Every structure is written in C-alpha cells, then in structure tokens.
C-alpha cells in the first residue's frame, strides 16, 4: 500500500526532503551557478537617476545601461550579480554608466517606474529584468532585445558578456 508522505510522520517527511535536496542540488549545495545581487533599491526619483546616468554618458563618451528589475526576481538578481563581478566591471567602466531601476512586479499590475521604459520607446514591460542600452542622446540601441532578459539566470556568463560587449559599440 502506498501512503501519502504526510501520513508517514514528520521525521520521515524531513528525511525525504533532505535526500531529495541532496540529489537535485549541485555538489556545492547552491541552488544555482550564478552570482546574485539585490541592486534594485526603491529611490525617490528613478527618472533623475536615469538622467544622471545619461549626463555621465555624455561627459564620458559612453552609453547608459539601464537595468529595470526587482529584488524578488531571481533573473534580476542574477543579472545584477553578473554585472557586479570584476569581469563585467571592466566592460561597464569602459563603455557604460550603469543604473538599476526598481520596477516592482509589472506582470501582475504592480509595476512602477515604467514611464522610464516608455521614455525610450518601449510600450510594454512584460516582466523582469529588462536591460536598456541608451545613447547620451536618448536613443535605445537594443530595442529588439531590451525586454528579453527574463531568462538572465539561465544565460551563461559568456553569453551575457558577449551581448553587452556587442551593444557597447552597436550603431543606433
């Protein structure tokens, strides 16, 4: 007779959970193989933060990288984590002015700061994160891929790096 786990007692349920976790997690015990960062603070004026990044981009001959996400989102945390590594810091320092914008949960109707995306021509923000590369003049360089970052946690470090390196020099 097969009995449901909840009828087998708490100790057996706990043991089954530990065995399952040990089997399905990577050897180091982490649930993923990417760095994480919670970079999406709620600020008093996210538009001013974006304006500051655009001003710096004009001064430095770079582009603004506007990452719109949320700390609740594992893909947003993964993308922020990669951007915080030494490898990405070198690329960002040379080509971008990075700004993180907290956008809440737009897919459930609880989004905020979405006017920033509209400002650069994105009519819809379907989820998180979104990565906008913008020239100092306000031209969105990656309109076709800006909202495709919702799988950032499953992208490889090299794939993310290569896309950002390409966008650093892409014509508008």
Protein backbone atom coordinates (compact mmCIF):
# COMPACT_ATOMS: atom_id res chain seq x y z
CA UNK A 1 0.00 0.00 0.00
CA UNK A 2 1.34 3.43 -0.93
CA UNK A 3 0.70 6.03 1.74
CA UNK A 4 0.98 9.78 1.23
CA UNK A 5 4.09 11.37 2.76
CA UNK A 6 2.10 13.45 5.25
CA UNK A 7 0.78 10.27 6.88
CA UNK A 8 4.28 8.87 7.39
CA UNK A 9 5.24 11.23 10.18
CA UNK A 10 7.29 14.39 10.32
CA UNK A 11 10.68 12.70 10.67
CA UNK A 12 10.21 10.65 7.51
CA UNK A 13 8.97 13.67 5.57
CA UNK A 14 12.03 15.66 6.72
CA UNK A 15 14.39 12.81 5.73
CA UNK A 16 12.77 12.54 2.30
CA UNK A 17 13.19 16.29 1.79
CA UNK A 18 16.86 16.20 2.74
CA UNK A 19 17.55 13.28 0.40
CA UNK A 20 15.72 14.97 -2.46
CA UNK A 21 17.59 18.25 -1.94
CA UNK A 22 20.92 16.45 -1.81
CA UNK A 23 20.09 14.69 -5.08
CA UNK A 24 18.87 17.72 -7.04
CA UNK A 25 21.23 20.48 -5.90
CA UNK A 26 24.72 20.97 -7.33
CA UNK A 27 27.60 19.47 -5.35
CA UNK A 28 28.43 22.75 -3.61
CA UNK A 29 24.89 22.88 -2.22
CA UNK A 30 23.98 26.07 -4.07
CA UNK A 31 20.70 26.17 -5.92
CA UNK A 32 22.29 27.96 -8.90
CA UNK A 33 25.61 28.71 -10.52
CA UNK A 34 25.45 32.47 -10.90
CA UNK A 35 26.23 35.33 -8.53
CA UNK A 36 23.33 37.28 -7.06
CA UNK A 37 22.93 40.89 -6.00
CA UNK A 38 19.96 42.83 -4.73
CA UNK A 39 20.66 46.07 -6.56
CA UNK A 40 17.11 47.25 -7.21
CA UNK A 41 16.55 49.83 -4.48
CA UNK A 42 13.45 51.94 -4.41
CA UNK A 43 14.69 55.50 -4.87
CA UNK A 44 12.80 58.75 -4.50
CA UNK A 45 13.26 59.66 -8.18
CA UNK A 46 14.32 56.87 -10.54
CA UNK A 47 13.94 59.21 -13.54
CA UNK A 48 16.53 61.53 -12.01
CA UNK A 49 18.85 58.53 -11.56
CA UNK A 50 18.46 57.73 -15.26
CA UNK A 51 19.04 61.39 -16.18
CA UNK A 52 22.24 61.37 -14.12
CA UNK A 53 23.45 58.24 -15.96
CA UNK A 54 22.70 59.89 -19.32
CA UNK A 55 24.61 63.03 -18.27
CA UNK A 56 27.61 60.95 -17.26
CA UNK A 57 27.38 59.05 -20.55
CA UNK A 58 27.51 62.35 -22.45
CA UNK A 59 30.51 63.53 -20.40
CA UNK A 60 32.39 60.24 -20.70
CA UNK A 61 31.55 59.23 -24.27
CA UNK A 62 29.77 56.09 -23.03
CA UNK A 63 26.22 54.76 -23.02
CA UNK A 64 23.71 54.37 -20.23
CA UNK A 65 22.89 50.82 -19.22
CA UNK A 66 19.50 50.93 -17.52
CA UNK A 67 18.65 47.67 -15.79
CA UNK A 68 14.99 47.57 -14.82
CA UNK A 69 14.19 44.77 -12.40
CA UNK A 70 13.30 43.83 -8.85
CA UNK A 71 14.94 42.11 -5.91
CA UNK A 72 12.16 39.49 -5.68
CA UNK A 73 13.11 38.22 -9.18
CA UNK A 74 15.87 35.60 -9.44
CA UNK A 75 16.65 36.63 -13.03
CA UNK A 76 17.04 40.27 -11.92
CA UNK A 77 19.29 39.24 -9.03
CA UNK A 78 21.36 37.02 -11.37
CA UNK A 79 21.86 39.80 -13.92
CA UNK A 80 22.81 42.26 -11.17
CA UNK A 81 25.18 39.66 -9.74
CA UNK A 82 27.00 39.19 -13.04
CA UNK A 83 27.21 42.96 -13.56
CA UNK A 84 28.88 43.26 -10.16
CA UNK A 85 31.74 40.87 -10.94
CA UNK A 86 35.26 42.05 -11.80
CA UNK A 87 34.96 40.81 -15.37
CA UNK A 88 31.84 42.86 -16.06
CA UNK A 89 33.08 45.88 -14.06
CA UNK A 90 35.88 46.38 -16.58
CA UNK A 91 33.44 46.34 -19.52
CA UNK A 92 30.98 48.61 -17.73
CA UNK A 93 33.66 51.09 -16.66
CA UNK A 94 34.90 51.37 -20.25
CA UNK A 95 31.55 51.60 -22.05
CA UNK A 96 28.59 52.26 -19.77
CA UNK A 97 27.04 54.30 -16.98
CA UNK A 98 25.07 51.69 -15.05
CA UNK A 99 21.83 52.45 -13.24
CA UNK A 100 19.43 49.99 -11.62
CA UNK A 101 15.73 50.85 -11.57
CA UNK A 102 13.24 49.02 -9.36
CA UNK A 103 10.07 48.36 -11.36
CA UNK A 104 8.12 46.23 -8.89
CA UNK A 105 6.02 43.49 -10.47
CA UNK A 106 4.69 44.82 -13.79
CA UNK A 107 3.36 41.45 -14.95
CA UNK A 108 0.85 41.45 -12.07
CA UNK A 109 -0.15 45.10 -12.45
CA UNK A 110 2.03 46.28 -9.55
CA UNK A 111 4.72 47.96 -11.61
CA UNK A 112 6.33 51.33 -11.07
CA UNK A 113 8.87 53.48 -12.91
CA UNK A 114 7.51 52.04 -16.15
CA UNK A 115 7.43 55.52 -17.71
CA UNK A 116 11.21 55.21 -17.98
CA UNK A 117 10.83 52.35 -20.45
CA UNK A 118 8.16 54.31 -22.34
CA UNK A 119 10.52 57.29 -22.49
CA UNK A 120 12.88 55.20 -24.63
CA UNK A 121 10.18 53.73 -26.88
CA UNK A 122 9.23 50.52 -25.07
CA UNK A 123 5.45 50.34 -24.97
CA UNK A 124 5.33 47.28 -22.74
CA UNK A 125 7.46 45.81 -19.98
CA UNK A 126 6.33 42.18 -19.83
CA UNK A 127 8.39 41.12 -16.82
CA UNK A 128 11.76 41.45 -15.16
CA UNK A 129 14.54 42.20 -15.76
CA UNK A 130 14.85 44.49 -18.76
CA UNK A 131 18.15 45.90 -19.97
CA UNK A 132 18.15 49.12 -21.96
CA UNK A 133 21.30 50.43 -23.63
CA UNK A 134 20.77 54.10 -24.37
CA UNK A 135 22.97 56.68 -26.09
CA UNK A 136 23.51 60.02 -24.35
CA UNK A 137 21.01 61.47 -26.86
CA UNK A 138 18.32 59.08 -25.62
CA UNK A 139 18.35 56.58 -28.49
CA UNK A 140 17.60 53.00 -27.44
CA UNK A 141 20.31 50.83 -29.00
CA UNK A 142 18.73 47.45 -28.26
CA UNK A 143 15.00 47.93 -28.81
CA UNK A 144 14.69 44.38 -30.17
CA UNK A 145 16.28 42.73 -27.10
CA UNK A 146 15.66 45.11 -24.18
CA UNK A 147 12.77 43.05 -22.80
CA UNK A 148 14.26 39.60 -23.48
CA UNK A 149 16.31 39.33 -20.29
CA UNK A 150 13.68 37.41 -18.28
CA UNK A 151 15.90 34.34 -18.60
CA UNK A 152 19.08 36.00 -17.31
CA UNK A 153 19.58 33.37 -14.60
CA UNK A 154 19.81 30.63 -17.22
CA UNK A 155 22.12 32.54 -19.58
CA UNK A 156 25.81 31.82 -19.38
CA UNK A 157 28.27 34.40 -18.15
CA UNK A 158 29.92 34.44 -21.58
CA UNK A 159 26.64 34.93 -23.45
CA UNK A 160 25.71 37.91 -21.26
CA UNK A 161 29.18 39.41 -21.58
CA UNK A 162 29.28 39.00 -25.36
CA UNK A 163 25.87 40.64 -25.79
CA UNK A 164 26.86 43.61 -23.63
CA UNK A 165 30.20 43.95 -25.44
CA UNK A 166 28.37 43.98 -28.78
CA UNK A 167 25.86 46.58 -27.55
CA UNK A 168 28.68 48.84 -26.37
CA UNK A 169 29.64 49.54 -29.98
CA UNK A 170 26.41 48.81 -31.87
CA UNK A 171 25.19 51.55 -34.17
CA UNK A 172 21.77 53.01 -33.44
